[in-house]
Amino acid sequence: MENIYWRNVPTILLSFAIIIALAILFFFYLLGLLFEGLVLDIYLSTLLTFIFISIINYVMISFVMVLSPSLMTKLLVVVILSGVIISMITNSEAQWWQRNLSFLGTQEASRAWQFNFTLMLSAFMMIALVDYLFVGLKKIYPKHRPLTILRILLTITAICLGLVGYFPSDGPGNMPKYHNQSAAMLVYMIIAMIIGIKWFVPKVSREFVITSYVLGIMLFVVTYYYLTGWYITLTGFEIVSFILAFTWLMLLLQTLDKASREPIPVYDVDIEFKKETESKT
């Protein structure tokens, strides 16, 4: 919690308030399916409310005690993957794969709000996570200016992710245009970060650089096959490119998390003075 600034708190609180609200809604929806027509009296309802409030308070206190970028990254993965997979399952009868992935957020899809809301919630969490990470990174590498550029690119990526959900592909007016532009900007941001990864991240490992270039080449090949109309469909292109980009993004966040937890170098005046004296003699 030492790297939390006041600007992180509203986004983190909003993100986890929405997660808890969705969990409660899902629980009561499942309860309604299991016990259809069940009516509770005021005493049992009050007891259940007290139990839920106690559980929520315990979960929030436990979360605050262990809050870290690693935990937030894991929650981001859970939120976005669960939201997309649930949307795919609920629209399986509509055979959404015969159109495109963006169909899951259109008016023709079943519960399209879940898909769009998942993207917007993930954008909020990613913005908070990026801000959280770079507070620690700036303390360790205050003179590494490319970190600021990487922070801007990651923030733009998160905003574009949220805009993809905010502007449905079948919305009125210019919404389909904004949807496509936001999705294209996501790809551009990922490619830019992969190309400059050795410059952006201080002390980046050779393995991560190689992995980044391999995933970048795979993303380029898939895009080429789709644009030339050979072998891959729009749905296949969207799913494969999403998996590649999301995988690399999670690896990048984990790398930044590891870099932000390195000990901050301390300049010991006495030790440095002794070294200078010994070198002169």
C-alpha atoms as a PDB file:
ATOM      1  CA  MET A   1       0.000   0.000   0.000  1.00  0.00           C
ATOM      2  CA  GLU A   2       2.994   2.342   0.235  1.00  0.00           C
ATOM      3  CA  ASN A   3       2.801   3.196  -3.497  1.00  0.00           C
ATOM      4  CA  ILE A   4      -0.895   4.140  -3.452  1.00  0.00           C
ATOM      5  CA  TYR A   5      -1.650   7.784  -4.219  1.00  0.00           C
ATOM      6  CA  TRP A   6      -4.996   9.489  -3.632  1.00  0.00           C
ATOM      7  CA  ARG A   7      -5.781   9.389  -7.366  1.00  0.00           C
ATOM      8  CA  ASN A   8      -5.536   5.578  -7.310  1.00  0.00           C
ATOM      9  CA  VAL A   9      -8.169   5.194  -4.611  1.00  0.00           C
ATOM     10  CA  PRO A  10     -11.349   6.239  -6.527  1.00  0.00           C
ATOM     11  CA  THR A  11     -10.597   3.960  -9.488  1.00  0.00           C
ATOM     12  CA  ILE A  12      -9.689   0.985  -7.290  1.00  0.00           C
ATOM     13  CA  LEU A  13     -12.756   1.459  -5.100  1.00  0.00           C
ATOM     14  CA  LEU A  14     -15.051   1.835  -8.118  1.00  0.00           C
ATOM     15  CA  SER A  15     -13.609  -1.244  -9.807  1.00  0.00           C
ATOM     16  CA  PHE A  16     -13.995  -3.486  -6.790  1.00  0.00           C
ATOM     17  CA  ALA A  17     -17.399  -2.074  -5.866  1.00  0.00           C
ATOM     18  CA  ILE A  18     -18.611  -3.071  -9.331  1.00  0.00           C
ATOM     19  CA  ILE A  19     -16.996  -6.514  -9.015  1.00  0.00           C
ATOM     20  CA  ILE A  20     -18.704  -7.113  -5.670  1.00  0.00           C
ATOM     21  CA  ALA A  21     -22.029  -5.836  -7.025  1.00  0.00           C
ATOM     22  CA  LEU A  22     -21.803  -8.194  -9.998  1.00  0.00           C
ATOM     23  CA  ALA A  23     -20.898 -11.110  -7.710  1.00  0.00           C
ATOM     24  CA  ILE A  24     -23.929 -10.398  -5.501  1.00  0.00           C
ATOM     25  CA  LEU A  25     -26.227 -10.086  -8.523  1.00  0.00           C
ATOM     26  CA  PHE A  26     -24.942 -13.378  -9.902  1.00  0.00           C
ATOM     27  CA  PHE A  27     -25.414 -15.098  -6.535  1.00  0.00           C
ATOM     28  CA  PHE A  28     -29.020 -13.963  -6.167  1.00  0.00           C
ATOM     29  CA  TYR A  29     -29.719 -14.780  -9.813  1.00  0.00           C
ATOM     30  CA  LEU A  30     -28.446 -18.313  -9.175  1.00  0.00           C
ATOM     31  CA  LEU A  31     -30.460 -18.444  -5.933  1.00  0.00           C
ATOM     32  CA  GLY A  32     -33.578 -17.452  -7.870  1.00  0.00           C
ATOM     33  CA  LEU A  33     -33.034 -20.269 -10.354  1.00  0.00           C
ATOM     34  CA  LEU A  34     -32.516 -22.842  -7.608  1.00  0.00           C
ATOM     35  CA  PHE A  35     -35.463 -21.709  -5.450  1.00  0.00           C
ATOM     36  CA  GLU A  36     -37.995 -20.278  -7.908  1.00  0.00           C
ATOM     37  CA  GLY A  37     -40.906 -18.556  -6.179  1.00  0.00           C
ATOM     38  CA  LEU A  38     -39.216 -18.524  -2.760  1.00  0.00           C
ATOM     39  CA  VAL A  39     -40.315 -15.629  -0.505  1.00  0.00           C
ATOM     40  CA  LEU A  40     -38.358 -14.759   2.649  1.00  0.00           C
ATOM     41  CA  ASP A  41     -39.801 -13.000   5.678  1.00  0.00           C
ATOM     42  CA  ILE A  42     -38.312  -9.828   7.119  1.00  0.00           C
ATOM     43  CA  TYR A  43     -36.329 -11.620   9.831  1.00  0.00           C
ATOM     44  CA  LEU A  44     -34.530 -14.035   7.504  1.00  0.00           C
ATOM     45  CA  SER A  45     -33.975 -11.255   4.964  1.00  0.00           C
ATOM     46  CA  THR A  46     -32.391  -9.101   7.673  1.00  0.00           C
ATOM     47  CA  LEU A  47     -30.152 -11.971   8.754  1.00  0.00           C
ATOM     48  CA  LEU A  48     -29.011 -12.622   5.169  1.00  0.00           C
ATOM     49  CA  THR A  49     -28.315  -8.896   4.680  1.00  0.00           C
ATOM     50  CA  PHE A  50     -26.194  -8.813   7.846  1.00  0.00           C
ATOM     51  CA  ILE A  51     -24.264 -11.900   6.698  1.00  0.00           C
ATOM     52  CA  PHE A  52     -23.562 -10.378   3.277  1.00  0.00           C
ATOM     53  CA  ILE A  53     -22.439  -7.055   4.747  1.00  0.00           C
ATOM     54  CA  SER A  54     -20.098  -8.901   7.124  1.00  0.00           C
ATOM     55  CA  ILE A  55     -18.627 -10.986   4.281  1.00  0.00           C
ATOM     56  CA  ILE A  56     -18.137  -7.922   2.089  1.00  0.00           C
ATOM     57  CA  ASN A  57     -16.395  -6.005   4.882  1.00  0.00           C
ATOM     58  CA  TYR A  58     -14.127  -8.963   5.606  1.00  0.00           C
ATOM     59  CA  VAL A  59     -13.247  -9.363   1.923  1.00  0.00           C
ATOM     60  CA  MET A  60     -12.486  -5.646   1.498  1.00  0.00           C
ATOM     61  CA  ILE A  61     -10.316  -5.500   4.648  1.00  0.00           C
ATOM     62  CA  SER A  62      -8.426  -8.630   3.538  1.00  0.00           C
ATOM     63  CA  PHE A  63      -7.975  -7.150   0.082  1.00  0.00           C
ATOM     64  CA  VAL A  64      -6.527  -3.902   1.445  1.00  0.00           C
ATOM     65  CA  MET A  65      -4.017  -5.855   3.542  1.00  0.00           C
ATOM     66  CA  VAL A  66      -2.679  -7.772   0.510  1.00  0.00           C
ATOM     67  CA  LEU A  67      -3.206  -5.186  -2.231  1.00  0.00           C
ATOM     68  CA  SER A  68      -0.416  -5.340  -4.802  1.00  0.00           C
ATOM     69  CA  PRO A  69       0.074  -4.955  -8.553  1.00  0.00           C
ATOM     70  CA  SER A  70       0.296  -8.750  -8.854  1.00  0.00           C
ATOM     71  CA  LEU A  71      -3.139  -9.157  -7.279  1.00  0.00           C
ATOM     72  CA  MET A  72      -4.627  -6.424  -9.449  1.00  0.00           C
ATOM     73  CA  THR A  73      -3.169  -8.042 -12.576  1.00  0.00           C
ATOM     74  CA  LYS A  74      -4.733 -11.375 -11.639  1.00  0.00           C
ATOM     75  CA  LEU A  75      -8.088  -9.724 -11.006  1.00  0.00           C
ATOM     76  CA  LEU A  76      -7.858  -7.955 -14.358  1.00  0.00           C
ATOM     77  CA  VAL A  77      -7.280 -11.308 -16.068  1.00  0.00           C
ATOM     78  CA  VAL A  78     -10.208 -12.895 -14.213  1.00  0.00           C
ATOM     79  CA  VAL A  79     -12.593 -10.022 -14.989  1.00  0.00           C
ATOM     80  CA  ILE A  80     -11.916  -9.725 -18.695  1.00  0.00           C
ATOM     81  CA  LEU A  81     -11.688 -13.455 -19.428  1.00  0.00           C
ATOM     82  CA  SER A  82     -14.761 -14.370 -17.389  1.00  0.00           C
ATOM     83  CA  GLY A  83     -16.779 -11.558 -18.974  1.00  0.00           C
ATOM     84  CA  VAL A  84     -15.854 -12.531 -22.524  1.00  0.00           C
ATOM     85  CA  ILE A  85     -16.320 -16.281 -21.950  1.00  0.00           C
ATOM     86  CA  ILE A  86     -19.726 -15.798 -20.301  1.00  0.00           C
ATOM     87  CA  SER A  87     -20.801 -13.628 -23.250  1.00  0.00           C
ATOM     88  CA  MET A  88     -19.674 -16.338 -25.660  1.00  0.00           C
ATOM     89  CA  ILE A  89     -21.596 -19.027 -23.766  1.00  0.00           C
ATOM     90  CA  THR A  90     -24.829 -17.032 -23.506  1.00  0.00           C
ATOM     91  CA  ASN A  91     -24.717 -16.316 -27.259  1.00  0.00           C
ATOM     92  CA  SER A  92     -23.741 -19.811 -28.373  1.00  0.00           C
ATOM     93  CA  GLU A  93     -27.211 -20.464 -29.791  1.00  0.00           C
ATOM     94  CA  ALA A  94     -26.981 -17.259 -31.866  1.00  0.00           C
ATOM     95  CA  GLN A  95     -23.814 -18.678 -33.506  1.00  0.00           C
ATOM     96  CA  TRP A  96     -21.937 -15.451 -32.937  1.00  0.00           C
ATOM     97  CA  TRP A  97     -18.729 -16.913 -34.397  1.00  0.00           C
ATOM     98  CA  GLN A  98     -20.235 -16.756 -37.872  1.00  0.00           C
ATOM     99  CA  ARG A  99     -20.156 -12.955 -37.658  1.00  0.00           C
ATOM    100  CA  ASN A 100     -17.412 -11.471 -35.464  1.00  0.00           C
ATOM    101  CA  LEU A 101     -16.341 -11.031 -31.866  1.00  0.00           C
ATOM    102  CA  SER A 102     -17.856  -7.545 -31.741  1.00  0.00           C
ATOM    103  CA  PHE A 103     -21.288  -9.134 -32.244  1.00  0.00           C
ATOM    104  CA  LEU A 104     -21.241  -9.997 -28.523  1.00  0.00           C
ATOM    105  CA  GLY A 105     -21.665  -6.284 -27.752  1.00  0.00           C
ATOM    106  CA  THR A 106     -24.416  -5.526 -30.268  1.00  0.00           C
ATOM    107  CA  GLN A 107     -28.163  -5.209 -29.725  1.00  0.00           C
ATOM    108  CA  GLU A 108     -28.744  -8.554 -31.460  1.00  0.00           C
ATOM    109  CA  ALA A 109     -26.656 -10.382 -28.855  1.00  0.00           C
ATOM    110  CA  SER A 110     -28.056 -11.811 -25.647  1.00  0.00           C
ATOM    111  CA  ARG A 111     -27.072  -9.627 -22.670  1.00  0.00           C
ATOM    112  CA  ALA A 112     -24.708  -7.480 -24.691  1.00  0.00           C
ATOM    113  CA  TRP A 113     -24.266  -5.180 -21.700  1.00  0.00           C
ATOM    114  CA  GLN A 114     -22.154  -7.853 -19.968  1.00  0.00           C
ATOM    115  CA  PHE A 115     -19.592  -7.871 -22.790  1.00  0.00           C
ATOM    116  CA  ASN A 116     -19.449  -4.075 -23.115  1.00  0.00           C
ATOM    117  CA  PHE A 117     -19.415  -3.550 -19.353  1.00  0.00           C
ATOM    118  CA  THR A 118     -16.571  -6.064 -18.983  1.00  0.00           C
ATOM    119  CA  LEU A 119     -14.422  -4.067 -21.403  1.00  0.00           C
ATOM    120  CA  MET A 120     -15.165  -0.767 -19.660  1.00  0.00           C
ATOM    121  CA  LEU A 121     -14.542  -2.223 -16.196  1.00  0.00           C
ATOM    122  CA  SER A 122     -11.277  -3.774 -17.405  1.00  0.00           C
ATOM    123  CA  ALA A 123     -10.244  -0.360 -18.731  1.00  0.00           C
ATOM    124  CA  PHE A 124     -10.833   1.221 -15.291  1.00  0.00           C
ATOM    125  CA  MET A 125      -8.816  -1.503 -13.566  1.00  0.00           C
ATOM    126  CA  MET A 126      -5.978  -1.251 -16.075  1.00  0.00           C
ATOM    127  CA  ILE A 127      -5.721   2.529 -15.647  1.00  0.00           C
ATOM    128  CA  ALA A 128      -5.518   2.096 -11.879  1.00  0.00           C
ATOM    129  CA  LEU A 129      -2.950  -0.695 -12.240  1.00  0.00           C
ATOM    130  CA  VAL A 130      -0.747   1.328 -14.615  1.00  0.00           C
ATOM    131  CA  ASP A 131      -0.810   4.343 -12.293  1.00  0.00           C
ATOM    132  CA  TYR A 132      -0.061   2.086  -9.330  1.00  0.00           C
ATOM    133  CA  LEU A 133       2.920   0.442 -11.055  1.00  0.00           C
ATOM    134  CA  PHE A 134       4.524   3.612 -12.340  1.00  0.00           C
ATOM    135  CA  VAL A 135       4.447   5.301  -8.941  1.00  0.00           C
ATOM    136  CA  GLY A 136       6.930   2.658  -7.769  1.00  0.00           C
ATOM    137  CA  LEU A 137       8.899   2.619 -11.010  1.00  0.00           C
ATOM    138  CA  LYS A 138       9.483   6.377 -10.913  1.00  0.00           C
ATOM    139  CA  LYS A 139      11.003   6.075  -7.442  1.00  0.00           C
ATOM    140  CA  ILE A 140      13.522   3.481  -8.638  1.00  0.00           C
ATOM    141  CA  TYR A 141      14.208   4.948 -12.105  1.00  0.00           C
ATOM    142  CA  PRO A 142      13.552   8.701 -11.778  1.00  0.00           C
ATOM    143  CA  LYS A 143      15.741   9.599 -14.772  1.00  0.00           C
ATOM    144  CA  HIS A 144      14.448   6.959 -17.194  1.00  0.00           C
ATOM    145  CA  ARG A 145      12.260   9.184 -19.401  1.00  0.00           C
ATOM    146  CA  PRO A 146      11.007   6.408 -21.755  1.00  0.00           C
ATOM    147  CA  LEU A 147       8.968   5.110 -18.811  1.00  0.00           C
ATOM    148  CA  THR A 148       6.731   8.168 -19.152  1.00  0.00           C
ATOM    149  CA  ILE A 149       6.121   7.364 -22.819  1.00  0.00           C
ATOM    150  CA  LEU A 150       5.312   3.741 -21.947  1.00  0.00           C
ATOM    151  CA  ARG A 151       2.915   4.944 -19.271  1.00  0.00           C
ATOM    152  CA  ILE A 152       1.114   7.152 -21.806  1.00  0.00           C
ATOM    153  CA  LEU A 153       0.876   4.296 -24.325  1.00  0.00           C
ATOM    154  CA  LEU A 154      -0.522   1.907 -21.700  1.00  0.00           C
ATOM    155  CA  THR A 155      -3.063   4.494 -20.556  1.00  0.00           C
ATOM    156  CA  ILE A 156      -4.176   5.120 -24.150  1.00  0.00           C
ATOM    157  CA  THR A 157      -4.467   1.341 -24.608  1.00  0.00           C
ATOM    158  CA  ALA A 158      -6.732   1.101 -21.557  1.00  0.00           C
ATOM    159  CA  ILE A 159      -8.875   4.010 -22.757  1.00  0.00           C
ATOM    160  CA  CYS A 160      -9.248   2.435 -26.206  1.00  0.00           C
ATOM    161  CA  LEU A 161     -10.274  -0.852 -24.574  1.00  0.00           C
ATOM    162  CA  GLY A 162     -13.021   0.959 -22.699  1.00  0.00           C
ATOM    163  CA  LEU A 163     -14.140   2.821 -25.823  1.00  0.00           C
ATOM    164  CA  VAL A 164     -14.509  -0.469 -27.718  1.00  0.00           C
ATOM    165  CA  GLY A 165     -17.121  -1.428 -25.138  1.00  0.00           C
ATOM    166  CA  TYR A 166     -18.660   2.057 -24.907  1.00  0.00           C
ATOM    167  CA  PHE A 167     -19.220   2.327 -28.675  1.00  0.00           C
ATOM    168  CA  PRO A 168     -21.053  -0.814 -29.919  1.00  0.00           C
ATOM    169  CA  SER A 169     -20.382  -1.836 -33.499  1.00  0.00           C
ATOM    170  CA  ASP A 170     -24.076  -1.477 -34.397  1.00  0.00           C
ATOM    171  CA  GLY A 171     -24.775   1.723 -32.469  1.00  0.00           C
ATOM    172  CA  PRO A 172     -26.449   4.799 -33.967  1.00  0.00           C
ATOM    173  CA  GLY A 173     -24.620   7.569 -35.771  1.00  0.00           C
ATOM    174  CA  ASN A 174     -20.842   7.362 -35.815  1.00  0.00           C
ATOM    175  CA  MET A 175     -20.601   4.721 -33.066  1.00  0.00           C
ATOM    176  CA  PRO A 176     -19.535   1.909 -35.452  1.00  0.00           C
ATOM    177  CA  LYS A 177     -16.805   4.198 -36.808  1.00  0.00           C
ATOM    178  CA  TYR A 178     -15.556   5.044 -33.304  1.00  0.00           C
ATOM    179  CA  HIS A 179     -15.714   1.343 -32.358  1.00  0.00           C
ATOM    180  CA  ASN A 180     -13.480   0.359 -35.287  1.00  0.00           C
ATOM    181  CA  GLN A 181     -11.077   3.252 -34.713  1.00  0.00           C
ATOM    182  CA  SER A 182     -10.710   2.359 -31.019  1.00  0.00           C
ATOM    183  CA  ALA A 183     -10.070  -1.309 -31.874  1.00  0.00           C
ATOM    184  CA  ALA A 184      -7.493  -0.330 -34.498  1.00  0.00           C
ATOM    185  CA  MET A 185      -5.791   2.028 -32.038  1.00  0.00           C
ATOM    186  CA  LEU A 186      -5.457  -0.882 -29.594  1.00  0.00           C
ATOM    187  CA  VAL A 187      -3.449  -2.806 -32.175  1.00  0.00           C
ATOM    188  CA  TYR A 188      -1.289   0.231 -32.992  1.00  0.00           C
ATOM    189  CA  MET A 189      -0.471   0.808 -29.303  1.00  0.00           C
ATOM    190  CA  ILE A 190       0.486  -2.852 -28.757  1.00  0.00           C
ATOM    191  CA  ILE A 191       2.732  -2.874 -31.851  1.00  0.00           C
ATOM    192  CA  ALA A 192       4.405   0.401 -30.802  1.00  0.00           C
ATOM    193  CA  MET A 193       5.134  -0.934 -27.326  1.00  0.00           C
ATOM    194  CA  ILE A 194       6.512  -4.220 -28.672  1.00  0.00           C
ATOM    195  CA  ILE A 195       8.839  -2.433 -31.089  1.00  0.00           C
ATOM    196  CA  GLY A 196      10.228  -0.127 -28.401  1.00  0.00           C
ATOM    197  CA  ILE A 197      10.223  -2.601 -25.503  1.00  0.00           C
ATOM    198  CA  LYS A 198      14.039  -2.583 -25.116  1.00  0.00           C
ATOM    199  CA  TRP A 199      13.984   1.197 -24.874  1.00  0.00           C
ATOM    200  CA  PHE A 200      10.895   1.602 -22.693  1.00  0.00           C
ATOM    201  CA  VAL A 201      11.567  -0.877 -19.878  1.00  0.00           C
ATOM    202  CA  PRO A 202      14.770  -0.503 -17.817  1.00  0.00           C
ATOM    203  CA  LYS A 203      16.788  -3.684 -17.235  1.00  0.00           C
ATOM    204  CA  VAL A 204      14.389  -5.762 -19.334  1.00  0.00           C
ATOM    205  CA  SER A 205      15.300  -9.442 -19.601  1.00  0.00           C
ATOM    206  CA  ARG A 206      16.466 -10.997 -22.854  1.00  0.00           C
ATOM    207  CA  GLU A 207      13.786 -13.691 -22.574  1.00  0.00           C
ATOM    208  CA  PHE A 208      10.998 -11.125 -22.386  1.00  0.00           C
ATOM    209  CA  VAL A 209      12.379  -9.198 -25.364  1.00  0.00           C
ATOM    210  CA  ILE A 210      12.512 -12.384 -27.465  1.00  0.00           C
ATOM    211  CA  THR A 211       9.001 -13.364 -26.355  1.00  0.00           C
ATOM    212  CA  SER A 212       7.745  -9.880 -27.237  1.00  0.00           C
ATOM    213  CA  TYR A 213       9.214 -10.028 -30.739  1.00  0.00           C
ATOM    214  CA  VAL A 214       7.860 -13.537 -31.326  1.00  0.00           C
ATOM    215  CA  LEU A 215       4.346 -12.508 -30.295  1.00  0.00           C
ATOM    216  CA  GLY A 216       4.689  -9.330 -32.363  1.00  0.00           C
ATOM    217  CA  ILE A 217       5.667 -11.320 -35.467  1.00  0.00           C
ATOM    218  CA  MET A 218       2.753 -13.711 -34.889  1.00  0.00           C
ATOM    219  CA  LEU A 219       0.391 -10.745 -34.584  1.00  0.00           C
ATOM    220  CA  PHE A 220       1.759  -9.280 -37.819  1.00  0.00           C
ATOM    221  CA  VAL A 221       1.379 -12.589 -39.679  1.00  0.00           C
ATOM    222  CA  VAL A 222      -2.207 -13.059 -38.498  1.00  0.00           C
ATOM    223  CA  THR A 223      -3.042  -9.481 -39.526  1.00  0.00           C
ATOM    224  CA  TYR A 224      -1.446 -10.034 -42.957  1.00  0.00           C
ATOM    225  CA  TYR A 225      -3.428 -13.227 -43.546  1.00  0.00           C
ATOM    226  CA  TYR A 226      -6.655 -11.481 -42.612  1.00  0.00           C
ATOM    227  CA  LEU A 227      -6.044  -8.352 -44.716  1.00  0.00           C
ATOM    228  CA  THR A 228      -5.154 -10.438 -47.769  1.00  0.00           C
ATOM    229  CA  GLY A 229      -8.337 -12.484 -47.303  1.00  0.00           C
ATOM    230  CA  TRP A 230      -6.449 -15.761 -47.168  1.00  0.00           C
ATOM    231  CA  TYR A 231      -7.105 -18.548 -44.678  1.00  0.00           C
ATOM    232  CA  ILE A 232      -8.417 -16.596 -41.663  1.00  0.00           C
ATOM    233  CA  THR A 233     -11.891 -15.150 -41.064  1.00  0.00           C
ATOM    234  CA  LEU A 234     -12.780 -11.957 -39.206  1.00  0.00           C
ATOM    235  CA  THR A 235     -13.820 -13.899 -36.090  1.00  0.00           C
ATOM    236  CA  GLY A 236     -10.634 -15.963 -36.164  1.00  0.00           C
ATOM    237  CA  PHE A 237      -8.541 -12.839 -36.624  1.00  0.00           C
ATOM    238  CA  GLU A 238     -10.207 -11.049 -33.702  1.00  0.00           C
ATOM    239  CA  ILE A 239      -9.895 -14.023 -31.334  1.00  0.00           C
ATOM    240  CA  VAL A 240      -6.272 -14.851 -32.201  1.00  0.00           C
ATOM    241  CA  SER A 241      -5.132 -11.215 -32.153  1.00  0.00           C
ATOM    242  CA  PHE A 242      -6.943 -10.678 -28.835  1.00  0.00           C
ATOM    243  CA  ILE A 243      -5.210 -13.702 -27.282  1.00  0.00           C
ATOM    244  CA  LEU A 244      -1.776 -12.625 -28.551  1.00  0.00           C
ATOM    245  CA  ALA A 245      -2.161  -8.981 -27.516  1.00  0.00           C
ATOM    246  CA  PHE A 246      -3.717  -9.790 -24.139  1.00  0.00           C
ATOM    247  CA  THR A 247      -1.027 -12.383 -23.354  1.00  0.00           C
ATOM    248  CA  TRP A 248       1.769  -9.943 -24.148  1.00  0.00           C
ATOM    249  CA  LEU A 249       0.078  -7.173 -22.173  1.00  0.00           C
ATOM    250  CA  MET A 250      -0.151  -9.375 -19.076  1.00  0.00           C
ATOM    251  CA  LEU A 251       3.519 -10.358 -19.456  1.00  0.00           C
ATOM    252  CA  LEU A 252       4.445  -6.678 -19.707  1.00  0.00           C
ATOM    253  CA  LEU A 253       2.478  -5.801 -16.558  1.00  0.00           C
ATOM    254  CA  GLN A 254       4.167  -8.653 -14.681  1.00  0.00           C
ATOM    255  CA  THR A 255       7.584  -7.445 -15.869  1.00  0.00           C
ATOM    256  CA  LEU A 256       6.812  -3.900 -14.720  1.00  0.00           C
ATOM    257  CA  ASP A 257       5.561  -5.261 -11.398  1.00  0.00           C
ATOM    258  CA  LYS A 258       8.854  -7.103 -10.881  1.00  0.00           C
ATOM    259  CA  ALA A 259      10.842  -3.997 -11.800  1.00  0.00           C
ATOM    260  CA  SER A 260       8.794  -1.830  -9.402  1.00  0.00           C
ATOM    261  CA  ARG A 261       9.657  -4.116  -6.478  1.00  0.00           C
ATOM    262  CA  GLU A 262      13.424  -3.797  -6.877  1.00  0.00           C
ATOM    263  CA  PRO A 263      15.194  -2.144  -3.925  1.00  0.00           C
ATOM    264  CA  ILE A 264      15.754   1.576  -4.353  1.00  0.00           C
ATOM    265  CA  PRO A 265      19.493   2.330  -4.560  1.00  0.00           C
ATOM    266  CA  VAL A 266      20.762   4.367  -1.598  1.00  0.00           C
ATOM    267  CA  TYR A 267      23.745   6.675  -1.859  1.00  0.00           C
ATOM    268  CA  ASP A 268      25.871   6.178   1.253  1.00  0.00           C
ATOM    269  CA  VAL A 269      28.101   9.251   1.685  1.00  0.00           C
ATOM    270  CA  ASP A 270      30.602   7.558   4.029  1.00  0.00           C
ATOM    271  CA  ILE A 271      31.121   4.560   1.730  1.00  0.00           C
ATOM    272  CA  GLU A 272      31.537   6.752  -1.338  1.00  0.00           C
ATOM    273  CA  PHE A 273      33.999   9.012   0.506  1.00  0.00           C
ATOM    274  CA  LYS A 274      36.095   5.989   1.529  1.00  0.00           C
ATOM    275  CA  LYS A 275      36.130   4.701  -2.077  1.00  0.00           C
ATOM    276  CA  GLU A 276      37.279   8.083  -3.391  1.00  0.00           C
ATOM    277  CA  THR A 277      40.010   8.307  -0.729  1.00  0.00           C
ATOM    278  CA  GLU A 278      41.291   4.793  -1.477  1.00  0.00           C
ATOM    279  CA  SER A 279      41.327   5.452  -5.224  1.00  0.00           C
ATOM    280  CA  LYS A 280      43.422   8.609  -4.737  1.00  0.00           C
ATOM    281  CA  THR A 281      45.955   6.820  -2.549  1.00  0.00           C
END
